[in-house]
Amino acid sequence: MKRCMFVDDSSVIRKVAKRILGSFDMMVIEAASGLDAVDMCAADMPDIIVVDAALPDMQAVDLIRQVRGMPSAVKPQILISLVEFDVAAVMRAKRAGAQGYLLKPFNRPQLLERFRSLQVAA
């Protein structure tokens, strides 16, 4: 079973993602802050990480760099989550090690299509 971490200070976003992805044989792990996400990744690296671009405690690119710098057999695919498309933010995230972006709010078809593009959902 693939493991996906949603890092977002919005409990609503995390719960919606969990509900959508849980029905597709994917375990969703929730982190409400960047620091929580770093600790959780250090303990057990997920396969996919979706990082909110506007975390209250750290920059998304800093979180991505920290995750990329961790020694792990699992090399997660990382998406940055944005409320509106921002080319500069997407490019900064990609330079830090992200594979792409996800616009929110998202619905079931949008989320699943993004995961299919990463080849992590059926």
PDB file of N, CA and C in Angstrom:
ATOM      1  N   MET A   1       0.840  -1.182   0.000  1.00  0.00           N
ATOM      2  CA  MET A   1       0.000   0.000   0.000  1.00  0.00           C
ATOM      3  C   MET A   1       0.886   1.247   0.000  1.00  0.00           C
ATOM      4  N   LYS A   2       0.602   2.165  -0.898  1.00  0.00           N
ATOM      5  CA  LYS A   2       1.350   3.425  -0.962  1.00  0.00           C
ATOM      6  C   LYS A   2       0.960   4.308   0.217  1.00  0.00           C
ATOM      7  N   ARG A   3       1.937   5.095   0.665  1.00  0.00           N
ATOM      8  CA  ARG A   3       1.700   6.009   1.780  1.00  0.00           C
ATOM      9  C   ARG A   3       1.868   7.444   1.298  1.00  0.00           C
ATOM     10  N   CYS A   4       0.862   8.261   1.566  1.00  0.00           N
ATOM     11  CA  CYS A   4       0.881   9.658   1.148  1.00  0.00           C
ATOM     12  C   CYS A   4       0.766  10.550   2.375  1.00  0.00           C
ATOM     13  N   MET A   5       1.621  11.560   2.442  1.00  0.00           N
ATOM     14  CA  MET A   5       1.549  12.530   3.529  1.00  0.00           C
ATOM     15  C   MET A   5       1.011  13.845   2.985  1.00  0.00           C
ATOM     16  N   PHE A   6      -0.036  14.364   3.619  1.00  0.00           N
ATOM     17  CA  PHE A   6      -0.542  15.699   3.315  1.00  0.00           C
ATOM     18  C   PHE A   6      -0.082  16.624   4.418  1.00  0.00           C
ATOM     19  N   VAL A   7       0.701  17.643   4.052  1.00  0.00           N
ATOM     20  CA  VAL A   7       1.208  18.615   5.013  1.00  0.00           C
ATOM     21  C   VAL A   7       0.439  19.911   4.770  1.00  0.00           C
ATOM     22  N   ASP A   8      -0.497  20.198   5.649  1.00  0.00           N
ATOM     23  CA  ASP A   8      -1.342  21.377   5.478  1.00  0.00           C
ATOM     24  C   ASP A   8      -1.896  21.757   6.845  1.00  0.00           C
ATOM     25  N   ASP A   9      -1.930  23.048   7.140  1.00  0.00           N
ATOM     26  CA  ASP A   9      -2.474  23.464   8.434  1.00  0.00           C
ATOM     27  C   ASP A   9      -3.999  23.441   8.449  1.00  0.00           C
ATOM     28  N   SER A  10      -4.625  23.188   7.293  1.00  0.00           N
ATOM     29  CA  SER A  10      -6.080  23.068   7.229  1.00  0.00           C
ATOM     30  C   SER A  10      -6.505  21.618   7.446  1.00  0.00           C
ATOM     31  N   SER A  11      -7.223  21.388   8.532  1.00  0.00           N
ATOM     32  CA  SER A  11      -7.703  20.028   8.798  1.00  0.00           C
ATOM     33  C   SER A  11      -8.712  19.596   7.734  1.00  0.00           C
ATOM     34  N   VAL A  12      -9.421  20.548   7.141  1.00  0.00           N
ATOM     35  CA  VAL A  12     -10.400  20.219   6.101  1.00  0.00           C
ATOM     36  C   VAL A  12      -9.697  19.639   4.876  1.00  0.00           C
ATOM     37  N   ILE A  13      -8.642  20.279   4.430  1.00  0.00           N
ATOM     38  CA  ILE A  13      -7.876  19.788   3.272  1.00  0.00           C
ATOM     39  C   ILE A  13      -7.348  18.386   3.555  1.00  0.00           C
ATOM     40  N   ARG A  14      -6.785  18.193   4.736  1.00  0.00           N
ATOM     41  CA  ARG A  14      -6.236  16.872   5.078  1.00  0.00           C
ATOM     42  C   ARG A  14      -7.332  15.813   5.102  1.00  0.00           C
ATOM     43  N   LYS A  15      -8.484  16.134   5.657  1.00  0.00           N
ATOM     44  CA  LYS A  15      -9.577  15.157   5.748  1.00  0.00           C
ATOM     45  C   LYS A  15     -10.160  14.827   4.381  1.00  0.00           C
ATOM     46  N   VAL A  16     -10.301  15.827   3.524  1.00  0.00           N
ATOM     47  CA  VAL A  16     -10.806  15.580   2.168  1.00  0.00           C
ATOM     48  C   VAL A  16      -9.842  14.658   1.421  1.00  0.00           C
ATOM     49  N   ALA A  17      -8.559  14.943   1.498  1.00  0.00           N
ATOM     50  CA  ALA A  17      -7.564  14.092   0.834  1.00  0.00           C
ATOM     51  C   ALA A  17      -7.605  12.672   1.370  1.00  0.00           C
ATOM     52  N   LYS A  18      -7.738  12.549   2.670  1.00  0.00           N
ATOM     53  CA  LYS A  18      -7.787  11.225   3.290  1.00  0.00           C
ATOM     54  C   LYS A  18      -9.004  10.444   2.822  1.00  0.00           C
ATOM     55  N   ARG A  19     -10.133  11.118   2.736  1.00  0.00           N
ATOM     56  CA  ARG A  19     -11.359  10.458   2.289  1.00  0.00           C
ATOM     57  C   ARG A  19     -11.234  10.010   0.823  1.00  0.00           C
ATOM     58  N   ILE A  20     -10.703  10.876  -0.027  1.00  0.00           N
ATOM     59  CA  ILE A  20     -10.566  10.543  -1.455  1.00  0.00           C
ATOM     60  C   ILE A  20      -9.563   9.420  -1.663  1.00  0.00           C
ATOM     61  N   LEU A  21      -8.384   9.570  -1.108  1.00  0.00           N
ATOM     62  CA  LEU A  21      -7.312   8.610  -1.373  1.00  0.00           C
ATOM     63  C   LEU A  21      -7.476   7.304  -0.612  1.00  0.00           C
ATOM     64  N   GLY A  22      -8.126   7.352   0.539  1.00  0.00           N
ATOM     65  CA  GLY A  22      -8.337   6.139   1.315  1.00  0.00           C
ATOM     66  C   GLY A  22      -9.164   5.105   0.578  1.00  0.00           C
ATOM     67  N   SER A  23     -10.045   5.570  -0.297  1.00  0.00           N
ATOM     68  CA  SER A  23     -10.874   4.637  -1.068  1.00  0.00           C
ATOM     69  C   SER A  23     -10.112   4.040  -2.247  1.00  0.00           C
ATOM     70  N   PHE A  24      -8.878   4.473  -2.460  1.00  0.00           N
ATOM     71  CA  PHE A  24      -8.057   3.948  -3.552  1.00  0.00           C
ATOM     72  C   PHE A  24      -6.830   3.216  -3.023  1.00  0.00           C
ATOM     73  N   ASP A  25      -7.009   2.542  -1.909  1.00  0.00           N
ATOM     74  CA  ASP A  25      -5.953   1.714  -1.337  1.00  0.00           C
ATOM     75  C   ASP A  25      -4.657   2.495  -1.106  1.00  0.00           C
ATOM     76  N   MET A  26      -4.808   3.687  -0.532  1.00  0.00           N
ATOM     77  CA  MET A  26      -3.656   4.504  -0.202  1.00  0.00           C
ATOM     78  C   MET A  26      -3.790   4.959   1.238  1.00  0.00           C
ATOM     79  N   MET A  27      -2.746   4.818   2.007  1.00  0.00           N
ATOM     80  CA  MET A  27      -2.743   5.277   3.392  1.00  0.00           C
ATOM     81  C   MET A  27      -2.342   6.753   3.405  1.00  0.00           C
ATOM     82  N   VAL A  28      -3.169   7.587   4.020  1.00  0.00           N
ATOM     83  CA  VAL A  28      -2.881   9.017   4.096  1.00  0.00           C
ATOM     84  C   VAL A  28      -2.464   9.368   5.510  1.00  0.00           C
ATOM     85  N   ILE A  29      -1.317  10.003   5.596  1.00  0.00           N
ATOM     86  CA  ILE A  29      -0.762  10.457   6.864  1.00  0.00           C
ATOM     87  C   ILE A  29      -0.914  11.974   6.883  1.00  0.00           C
ATOM     88  N   GLU A  30      -1.306  12.516   8.008  1.00  0.00           N
ATOM     89  CA  GLU A  30      -1.540  13.950   8.113  1.00  0.00           C
ATOM     90  C   GLU A  30      -0.470  14.622   8.966  1.00  0.00           C
ATOM     91  N   ALA A  31      -0.010  15.783   8.478  1.00  0.00           N
ATOM     92  CA  ALA A  31       0.896  16.622   9.254  1.00  0.00           C
ATOM     93  C   ALA A  31       0.348  18.046   9.190  1.00  0.00           C
ATOM     94  N   ALA A  32       0.177  18.670  10.345  1.00  0.00           N
ATOM     95  CA  ALA A  32      -0.392  20.015  10.406  1.00  0.00           C
ATOM     96  C   ALA A  32       0.663  21.108  10.281  1.00  0.00           C
ATOM     97  N   SER A  33       1.933  20.725  10.324  1.00  0.00           N
ATOM     98  CA  SER A  33       3.002  21.724  10.227  1.00  0.00           C
ATOM     99  C   SER A  33       4.219  21.114   9.534  1.00  0.00           C
ATOM    100  N   GLY A  34       5.096  21.991   9.098  1.00  0.00           N
ATOM    101  CA  GLY A  34       6.324  21.538   8.467  1.00  0.00           C
ATOM    102  C   GLY A  34       7.213  20.771   9.429  1.00  0.00           C
ATOM    103  N   LEU A  35       7.286  21.242  10.664  1.00  0.00           N
ATOM    104  CA  LEU A  35       8.127  20.558  11.648  1.00  0.00           C
ATOM    105  C   LEU A  35       7.617  19.154  11.938  1.00  0.00           C
ATOM    106  N   ASP A  36       6.280  19.010  12.037  1.00  0.00           N
ATOM    107  CA  ASP A  36       5.704  17.669  12.229  1.00  0.00           C
ATOM    108  C   ASP A  36       6.054  16.780  11.040  1.00  0.00           C
ATOM    109  N   ALA A  37       5.963  17.334   9.843  1.00  0.00           N
ATOM    110  CA  ALA A  37       6.256  16.558   8.637  1.00  0.00           C
ATOM    111  C   ALA A  37       7.706  16.091   8.614  1.00  0.00           C
ATOM    112  N   VAL A  38       8.632  16.967   8.980  1.00  0.00           N
ATOM    113  CA  VAL A  38      10.054  16.595   9.007  1.00  0.00           C
ATOM    114  C   VAL A  38      10.272  15.439   9.981  1.00  0.00           C
ATOM    115  N   ASP A  39       9.696  15.547  11.176  1.00  0.00           N
ATOM    116  CA  ASP A  39       9.842  14.479  12.172  1.00  0.00           C
ATOM    117  C   ASP A  39       9.254  13.162  11.670  1.00  0.00           C
ATOM    118  N   MET A  40       8.075  13.235  11.053  1.00  0.00           N
ATOM    119  CA  MET A  40       7.414  12.028  10.567  1.00  0.00           C
ATOM    120  C   MET A  40       8.195  11.399   9.407  1.00  0.00           C
ATOM    121  N   CYS A  41       8.734  12.225   8.522  1.00  0.00           N
ATOM    122  CA  CYS A  41       9.524  11.705   7.397  1.00  0.00           C
ATOM    123  C   CYS A  41      10.817  11.056   7.896  1.00  0.00           C
ATOM    124  N   ALA A  42      11.428  11.644   8.912  1.00  0.00           N
ATOM    125  CA  ALA A  42      12.653  11.076   9.462  1.00  0.00           C
ATOM    126  C   ALA A  42      12.391   9.703  10.070  1.00  0.00           C
ATOM    127  N   ALA A  43      11.206   9.532  10.653  1.00  0.00           N
ATOM    128  CA  ALA A  43      10.860   8.256  11.280  1.00  0.00           C
ATOM    129  C   ALA A  43      10.450   7.203  10.253  1.00  0.00           C
ATOM    130  N   ASP A  44       9.702   7.611   9.217  1.00  0.00           N
ATOM    131  CA  ASP A  44       9.183   6.655   8.227  1.00  0.00           C
ATOM    132  C   ASP A  44       8.762   7.436   6.976  1.00  0.00           C
ATOM    133  N   MET A  45       9.613   7.410   5.957  1.00  0.00           N
ATOM    134  CA  MET A  45       9.402   8.217   4.754  1.00  0.00           C
ATOM    135  C   MET A  45       8.210   7.709   3.943  1.00  0.00           C
ATOM    136  N   PRO A  46       7.244   8.603   3.609  1.00  0.00           N
ATOM    137  CA  PRO A  46       6.111   8.203   2.770  1.00  0.00           C
ATOM    138  C   PRO A  46       6.526   8.141   1.288  1.00  0.00           C
ATOM    139  N   ASP A  47       5.651   7.584   0.464  1.00  0.00           N
ATOM    140  CA  ASP A  47       5.920   7.481  -0.969  1.00  0.00           C
ATOM    141  C   ASP A  47       5.631   8.780  -1.706  1.00  0.00           C
ATOM    142  N   ILE A  48       4.644   9.523  -1.212  1.00  0.00           N
ATOM    143  CA  ILE A  48       4.219  10.773  -1.823  1.00  0.00           C
ATOM    144  C   ILE A  48       4.018  11.798  -0.717  1.00  0.00           C
ATOM    145  N   ILE A  49       4.421  13.043  -0.995  1.00  0.00           N
ATOM    146  CA  ILE A  49       4.215  14.119  -0.032  1.00  0.00           C
ATOM    147  C   ILE A  49       3.592  15.295  -0.771  1.00  0.00           C
ATOM    148  N   VAL A  50       2.485  15.813  -0.235  1.00  0.00           N
ATOM    149  CA  VAL A  50       1.842  17.009  -0.777  1.00  0.00           C
ATOM    150  C   VAL A  50       2.024  18.098   0.271  1.00  0.00           C
ATOM    151  N   VAL A  51       2.748  19.163  -0.096  1.00  0.00           N
ATOM    152  CA  VAL A  51       3.128  20.218   0.841  1.00  0.00           C
ATOM    153  C   VAL A  51       2.378  21.512   0.522  1.00  0.00           C
ATOM    154  N   ASP A  52       1.698  22.052   1.507  1.00  0.00           N
ATOM    155  CA  ASP A  52       1.036  23.348   1.361  1.00  0.00           C
ATOM    156  C   ASP A  52       2.100  24.417   1.126  1.00  0.00           C
ATOM    157  N   ALA A  53       1.874  25.282   0.146  1.00  0.00           N
ATOM    158  CA  ALA A  53       2.834  26.344  -0.164  1.00  0.00           C
ATOM    159  C   ALA A  53       2.879  27.410   0.922  1.00  0.00           C
ATOM    160  N   ALA A  54       1.853  27.465   1.775  1.00  0.00           N
ATOM    161  CA  ALA A  54       1.768  28.521   2.792  1.00  0.00           C
ATOM    162  C   ALA A  54       1.715  27.938   4.194  1.00  0.00           C
ATOM    163  N   LEU A  55       2.704  27.143   4.546  1.00  0.00           N
ATOM    164  CA  LEU A  55       2.763  26.599   5.898  1.00  0.00           C
ATOM    165  C   LEU A  55       3.074  27.710   6.892  1.00  0.00           C
ATOM    166  N   PRO A  56       2.493  27.661   8.091  1.00  0.00           N
ATOM    167  CA  PRO A  56       2.719  28.736   9.050  1.00  0.00           C
ATOM    168  C   PRO A  56       4.097  28.717   9.710  1.00  0.00           C
ATOM    169  N   ASP A  57       4.751  27.555   9.736  1.00  0.00           N
ATOM    170  CA  ASP A  57       5.990  27.450  10.504  1.00  0.00           C
ATOM    171  C   ASP A  57       7.271  27.357   9.683  1.00  0.00           C
ATOM    172  N   MET A  58       7.161  27.111   8.378  1.00  0.00           N
ATOM    173  CA  MET A  58       8.366  27.058   7.550  1.00  0.00           C
ATOM    174  C   MET A  58       7.988  27.195   6.081  1.00  0.00           C
ATOM    175  N   GLN A  59       8.945  27.578   5.278  1.00  0.00           N
ATOM    176  CA  GLN A  59       8.730  27.680   3.837  1.00  0.00           C
ATOM    177  C   GLN A  59       8.627  26.281   3.244  1.00  0.00           C
ATOM    178  N   ALA A  60       7.732  26.107   2.287  1.00  0.00           N
ATOM    179  CA  ALA A  60       7.551  24.807   1.643  1.00  0.00           C
ATOM    180  C   ALA A  60       8.851  24.325   1.002  1.00  0.00           C
ATOM    181  N   VAL A  61       9.603  25.227   0.380  1.00  0.00           N
ATOM    182  CA  VAL A  61      10.853  24.809  -0.270  1.00  0.00           C
ATOM    183  C   VAL A  61      11.875  24.320   0.757  1.00  0.00           C
ATOM    184  N   ASP A  62      11.862  24.894   1.953  1.00  0.00           N
ATOM    185  CA  ASP A  62      12.769  24.420   3.004  1.00  0.00           C
ATOM    186  C   ASP A  62      12.399  23.005   3.436  1.00  0.00           C
ATOM    187  N   LEU A  63      11.095  22.745   3.552  1.00  0.00           N
ATOM    188  CA  LEU A  63      10.639  21.400   3.894  1.00  0.00           C
ATOM    189  C   LEU A  63      11.047  20.413   2.800  1.00  0.00           C
ATOM    190  N   ILE A  64      10.844  20.790   1.554  1.00  0.00           N
ATOM    191  CA  ILE A  64      11.202  19.905   0.436  1.00  0.00           C
ATOM    192  C   ILE A  64      12.698  19.607   0.458  1.00  0.00           C
ATOM    193  N   ARG A  65      13.511  20.619   0.659  1.00  0.00           N
ATOM    194  CA  ARG A  65      14.974  20.411   0.710  1.00  0.00           C
ATOM    195  C   ARG A  65      15.378  19.497   1.871  1.00  0.00           C
ATOM    196  N   GLN A  66      14.753  19.703   3.029  1.00  0.00           N
ATOM    197  CA  GLN A  66      15.075  18.853   4.176  1.00  0.00           C
ATOM    198  C   GLN A  66      14.720  17.396   3.901  1.00  0.00           C
ATOM    199  N   VAL A  67      13.548  17.176   3.307  1.00  0.00           N
ATOM    200  CA  VAL A  67      13.133  15.807   2.986  1.00  0.00           C
ATOM    201  C   VAL A  67      14.093  15.195   1.971  1.00  0.00           C
ATOM    202  N   ARG A  68      14.457  15.961   0.946  1.00  0.00           N
ATOM    203  CA  ARG A  68      15.382  15.452  -0.078  1.00  0.00           C
ATOM    204  C   ARG A  68      16.757  15.133   0.515  1.00  0.00           C
ATOM    205  N   GLY A  69      17.131  15.828   1.575  1.00  0.00           N
ATOM    206  CA  GLY A  69      18.429  15.609   2.197  1.00  0.00           C
ATOM    207  C   GLY A  69      18.473  14.453   3.180  1.00  0.00           C
ATOM    208  N   MET A  70      17.337  13.861   3.469  1.00  0.00           N
ATOM    209  CA  MET A  70      17.289  12.760   4.439  1.00  0.00           C
ATOM    210  C   MET A  70      17.738  11.454   3.797  1.00  0.00           C
ATOM    211  N   PRO A  71      18.560  10.691   4.517  1.00  0.00           N
ATOM    212  CA  PRO A  71      18.912   9.364   3.995  1.00  0.00           C
ATOM    213  C   PRO A  71      17.705   8.428   4.123  1.00  0.00           C
ATOM    214  N   SER A  72      17.275   7.886   2.999  1.00  0.00           N
ATOM    215  CA  SER A  72      16.108   7.004   3.020  1.00  0.00           C
ATOM    216  C   SER A  72      16.117   6.145   1.768  1.00  0.00           C
ATOM    217  N   ALA A  73      15.686   4.900   1.927  1.00  0.00           N
ATOM    218  CA  ALA A  73      15.549   4.017   0.768  1.00  0.00           C
ATOM    219  C   ALA A  73      14.388   4.478  -0.106  1.00  0.00           C
ATOM    220  N   VAL A  74      13.400   5.143   0.501  1.00  0.00           N
ATOM    221  CA  VAL A  74      12.243   5.666  -0.233  1.00  0.00           C
ATOM    222  C   VAL A  74      12.557   7.090  -0.685  1.00  0.00           C
ATOM    223  N   LYS A  75      12.406   7.335  -1.970  1.00  0.00           N
ATOM    224  CA  LYS A  75      12.580   8.683  -2.528  1.00  0.00           C
ATOM    225  C   LYS A  75      11.190   9.176  -2.934  1.00  0.00           C
ATOM    226  N   PRO A  76      10.540   9.938  -2.065  1.00  0.00           N
ATOM    227  CA  PRO A  76       9.145  10.304  -2.313  1.00  0.00           C
ATOM    228  C   PRO A  76       8.966  11.249  -3.497  1.00  0.00           C
ATOM    229  N   GLN A  77       7.805  11.135  -4.113  1.00  0.00           N
ATOM    230  CA  GLN A  77       7.390  12.132  -5.088  1.00  0.00           C
ATOM    231  C   GLN A  77       6.760  13.250  -4.275  1.00  0.00           C
ATOM    232  N   ILE A  78       7.051  14.494  -4.645  1.00  0.00           N
ATOM    233  CA  ILE A  78       6.584  15.632  -3.862  1.00  0.00           C
ATOM    234  C   ILE A  78       5.824  16.605  -4.755  1.00  0.00           C
ATOM    235  N   LEU A  79       4.676  17.039  -4.268  1.00  0.00           N
ATOM    236  CA  LEU A  79       3.875  18.068  -4.926  1.00  0.00           C
ATOM    237  C   LEU A  79       3.742  19.256  -3.991  1.00  0.00           C
ATOM    238  N   ILE A  80       3.731  20.449  -4.555  1.00  0.00           N
ATOM    239  CA  ILE A  80       3.422  21.636  -3.763  1.00  0.00           C
ATOM    240  C   ILE A  80       1.951  21.974  -4.013  1.00  0.00           C
ATOM    241  N   SER A  81       1.247  22.338  -2.965  1.00  0.00           N
ATOM    242  CA  SER A  81      -0.188  22.614  -3.043  1.00  0.00           C
ATOM    243  C   SER A  81      -0.408  24.123  -2.963  1.00  0.00           C
ATOM    244  N   LEU A  82      -1.098  24.668  -3.976  1.00  0.00           N
ATOM    245  CA  LEU A  82      -1.286  26.112  -4.098  1.00  0.00           C
ATOM    246  C   LEU A  82      -2.770  26.463  -4.212  1.00  0.00           C
ATOM    247  N   VAL A  83      -3.162  27.657  -3.737  1.00  0.00           N
ATOM    248  CA  VAL A  83      -4.542  28.101  -3.894  1.00  0.00           C
ATOM    249  C   VAL A  83      -4.744  28.782  -5.245  1.00  0.00           C
ATOM    250  N   GLU A  84      -3.676  29.252  -5.850  1.00  0.00           N
ATOM    251  CA  GLU A  84      -3.734  29.769  -7.215  1.00  0.00           C
ATOM    252  C   GLU A  84      -2.394  29.497  -7.883  1.00  0.00           C
ATOM    253  N   PHE A  85      -2.445  29.329  -9.198  1.00  0.00           N
ATOM    254  CA  PHE A  85      -1.229  28.983  -9.914  1.00  0.00           C
ATOM    255  C   PHE A  85      -0.228  30.130  -9.830  1.00  0.00           C
ATOM    256  N   ASP A  86       0.988  29.823  -9.421  1.00  0.00           N
ATOM    257  CA  ASP A  86       2.066  30.796  -9.272  1.00  0.00           C
ATOM    258  C   ASP A  86       3.316  30.162  -9.866  1.00  0.00           C
ATOM    259  N   VAL A  87       3.679  30.608 -11.074  1.00  0.00           N
ATOM    260  CA  VAL A  87       4.810  30.022 -11.788  1.00  0.00           C
ATOM    261  C   VAL A  87       6.082  30.073 -10.946  1.00  0.00           C
ATOM    262  N   ALA A  88       6.337  31.216 -10.303  1.00  0.00           N
ATOM    263  CA  ALA A  88       7.563  31.358  -9.510  1.00  0.00           C
ATOM    264  C   ALA A  88       7.596  30.359  -8.354  1.00  0.00           C
ATOM    265  N   ALA A  89       6.472  30.187  -7.664  1.00  0.00           N
ATOM    266  CA  ALA A  89       6.418  29.238  -6.544  1.00  0.00           C
ATOM    267  C   ALA A  89       6.618  27.813  -7.031  1.00  0.00           C
ATOM    268  N   VAL A  90       6.006  27.473  -8.155  1.00  0.00           N
ATOM    269  CA  VAL A  90       6.165  26.123  -8.711  1.00  0.00           C
ATOM    270  C   VAL A  90       7.621  25.889  -9.104  1.00  0.00           C
ATOM    271  N   MET A  91       8.251  26.860  -9.733  1.00  0.00           N
ATOM    272  CA  MET A  91       9.653  26.710 -10.153  1.00  0.00           C
ATOM    273  C   MET A  91      10.578  26.594  -8.938  1.00  0.00           C
ATOM    274  N   ARG A  92      10.329  27.383  -7.885  1.00  0.00           N
ATOM    275  CA  ARG A  92      11.145  27.264  -6.664  1.00  0.00           C
ATOM    276  C   ARG A  92      10.999  25.868  -6.065  1.00  0.00           C
ATOM    277  N   ALA A  93       9.767  25.368  -6.034  1.00  0.00           N
ATOM    278  CA  ALA A  93       9.527  24.031  -5.487  1.00  0.00           C
ATOM    279  C   ALA A  93      10.218  22.963  -6.328  1.00  0.00           C
ATOM    280  N   LYS A  94      10.156  23.105  -7.639  1.00  0.00           N
ATOM    281  CA  LYS A  94      10.816  22.123  -8.515  1.00  0.00           C
ATOM    282  C   LYS A  94      12.328  22.162  -8.331  1.00  0.00           C
ATOM    283  N   ARG A  95      12.894  23.350  -8.204  1.00  0.00           N
ATOM    284  CA  ARG A  95      14.348  23.447  -7.972  1.00  0.00           C
ATOM    285  C   ARG A  95      14.727  22.809  -6.631  1.00  0.00           C
ATOM    286  N   ALA A  96      13.815  22.853  -5.662  1.00  0.00           N
ATOM    287  CA  ALA A  96      14.076  22.255  -4.348  1.00  0.00           C
ATOM    288  C   ALA A  96      13.905  20.734  -4.375  1.00  0.00           C
ATOM    289  N   GLY A  97      13.215  20.210  -5.413  1.00  0.00           N
ATOM    290  CA  GLY A  97      13.071  18.757  -5.506  1.00  0.00           C
ATOM    291  C   GLY A  97      11.654  18.246  -5.695  1.00  0.00           C
ATOM    292  N   ALA A  98      10.681  19.142  -5.888  1.00  0.00           N
ATOM    293  CA  ALA A  98       9.299  18.713  -6.119  1.00  0.00           C
ATOM    294  C   ALA A  98       9.122  18.279  -7.575  1.00  0.00           C
ATOM    295  N   GLN A  99       8.135  17.411  -7.792  1.00  0.00           N
ATOM    296  CA  GLN A  99       7.838  16.959  -9.147  1.00  0.00           C
ATOM    297  C   GLN A  99       6.746  17.785  -9.816  1.00  0.00           C
ATOM    298  N   GLY A 100       5.925  18.487  -9.035  1.00  0.00           N
ATOM    299  CA  GLY A 100       4.830  19.235  -9.628  1.00  0.00           C
ATOM    300  C   GLY A 100       4.010  19.953  -8.583  1.00  0.00           C
ATOM    301  N   TYR A 101       2.785  20.277  -8.966  1.00  0.00           N
ATOM    302  CA  TYR A 101       1.920  21.051  -8.089  1.00  0.00           C
ATOM    303  C   TYR A 101       0.498  20.501  -8.127  1.00  0.00           C
ATOM    304  N   LEU A 102      -0.275  20.930  -7.145  1.00  0.00           N
ATOM    305  CA  LEU A 102      -1.686  20.575  -7.028  1.00  0.00           C
ATOM    306  C   LEU A 102      -2.421  21.841  -6.614  1.00  0.00           C
ATOM    307  N   LEU A 103      -3.468  22.199  -7.368  1.00  0.00           N
ATOM    308  CA  LEU A 103      -4.261  23.369  -6.998  1.00  0.00           C
ATOM    309  C   LEU A 103      -5.360  22.965  -6.023  1.00  0.00           C
ATOM    310  N   LYS A 104      -5.615  23.817  -5.042  1.00  0.00           N
ATOM    311  CA  LYS A 104      -6.687  23.560  -4.101  1.00  0.00           C
ATOM    312  C   LYS A 104      -7.618  24.752  -4.077  1.00  0.00           C
ATOM    313  N   PRO A 105      -8.882  24.542  -3.790  1.00  0.00           N
ATOM    314  CA  PRO A 105      -9.426  23.262  -3.364  1.00  0.00           C
ATOM    315  C   PRO A 105      -9.502  22.291  -4.534  1.00  0.00           C
ATOM    316  N   PHE A 106      -9.313  21.031  -4.230  1.00  0.00           N
ATOM    317  CA  PHE A 106      -9.349  19.992  -5.255  1.00  0.00           C
ATOM    318  C   PHE A 106     -10.552  19.100  -5.017  1.00  0.00           C
ATOM    319  N   ASN A 107     -10.954  18.402  -6.072  1.00  0.00           N
ATOM    320  CA  ASN A 107     -12.020  17.422  -5.940  1.00  0.00           C
ATOM    321  C   ASN A 107     -11.439  16.047  -6.297  1.00  0.00           C
ATOM    322  N   ARG A 108     -12.253  15.036  -6.219  1.00  0.00           N
ATOM    323  CA  ARG A 108     -11.796  13.659  -6.454  1.00  0.00           C
ATOM    324  C   ARG A 108     -11.130  13.501  -7.830  1.00  0.00           C
ATOM    325  N   PRO A 109     -11.788  13.907  -8.939  1.00  0.00           N
ATOM    326  CA  PRO A 109     -11.145  13.728 -10.251  1.00  0.00           C
ATOM    327  C   PRO A 109      -9.818  14.482 -10.381  1.00  0.00           C
ATOM    328  N   GLN A 110      -9.749  15.701  -9.854  1.00  0.00           N
ATOM    329  CA  GLN A 110      -8.504  16.477  -9.954  1.00  0.00           C
ATOM    330  C   GLN A 110      -7.370  15.823  -9.174  1.00  0.00           C
ATOM    331  N   LEU A 111      -7.654  15.400  -7.966  1.00  0.00           N
ATOM    332  CA  LEU A 111      -6.616  14.774  -7.142  1.00  0.00           C
ATOM    333  C   LEU A 111      -6.148  13.461  -7.758  1.00  0.00           C
ATOM    334  N   LEU A 112      -7.091  12.644  -8.183  1.00  0.00           N
ATOM    335  CA  LEU A 112      -6.707  11.355  -8.767  1.00  0.00           C
ATOM    336  C   LEU A 112      -5.952  11.522 -10.079  1.00  0.00           C
ATOM    337  N   GLU A 113      -6.332  12.512 -10.884  1.00  0.00           N
ATOM    338  CA  GLU A 113      -5.606  12.755 -12.135  1.00  0.00           C
ATOM    339  C   GLU A 113      -4.165  13.182 -11.858  1.00  0.00           C
ATOM    340  N   ARG A 114      -3.979  14.016 -10.861  1.00  0.00           N
ATOM    341  CA  ARG A 114      -2.610  14.455 -10.514  1.00  0.00           C
ATOM    342  C   ARG A 114      -1.783  13.258 -10.044  1.00  0.00           C
ATOM    343  N   PHE A 115      -2.380  12.385  -9.255  1.00  0.00           N
ATOM    344  CA  PHE A 115      -1.662  11.204  -8.771  1.00  0.00           C
ATOM    345  C   PHE A 115      -1.390  10.224  -9.910  1.00  0.00           C
ATOM    346  N   ARG A 116      -2.344  10.123 -10.845  1.00  0.00           N
ATOM    347  CA  ARG A 116      -2.098   9.266 -12.025  1.00  0.00           C
ATOM    348  C   ARG A 116      -0.929   9.795 -12.833  1.00  0.00           C
ATOM    349  N   SER A 117      -0.823  11.119 -12.950  1.00  0.00           N
ATOM    350  CA  SER A 117       0.290  11.699 -13.709  1.00  0.00           C
ATOM    351  C   SER A 117       1.637  11.372 -13.068  1.00  0.00           C
ATOM    352  N   LEU A 118       1.625  11.139 -11.751  1.00  0.00           N
ATOM    353  CA  LEU A 118       2.836  10.708 -11.050  1.00  0.00           C
ATOM    354  C   LEU A 118       2.985   9.191 -11.073  1.00  0.00           C
ATOM    355  N   GLN A 119       1.989   8.527 -11.655  1.00  0.00           N
ATOM    356  CA  GLN A 119       1.935   7.076 -11.740  1.00  0.00           C
ATOM    357  C   GLN A 119       1.883   6.416 -10.369  1.00  0.00           C
ATOM    358  N   VAL A 120       1.045   7.016  -9.493  1.00  0.00           N
ATOM    359  CA  VAL A 120       0.879   6.443  -8.150  1.00  0.00           C
ATOM    360  C   VAL A 120      -0.569   6.094  -7.840  1.00  0.00           C
ATOM    361  N   ALA A 121      -1.472   6.279  -8.801  1.00  0.00           N
ATOM    362  CA  ALA A 121      -2.879   5.904  -8.576  1.00  0.00           C
ATOM    363  C   ALA A 121      -3.399   5.219  -9.817  1.00  0.00           C
ATOM    364  N   ALA A 122      -4.342   4.302  -9.605  1.00  0.00           N
ATOM    365  CA  ALA A 122      -4.915   3.560 -10.733  1.00  0.00           C
ATOM    366  C   ALA A 122      -5.964   4.383 -11.436  1.00  0.00           C
TER     367      ALA A 122
END
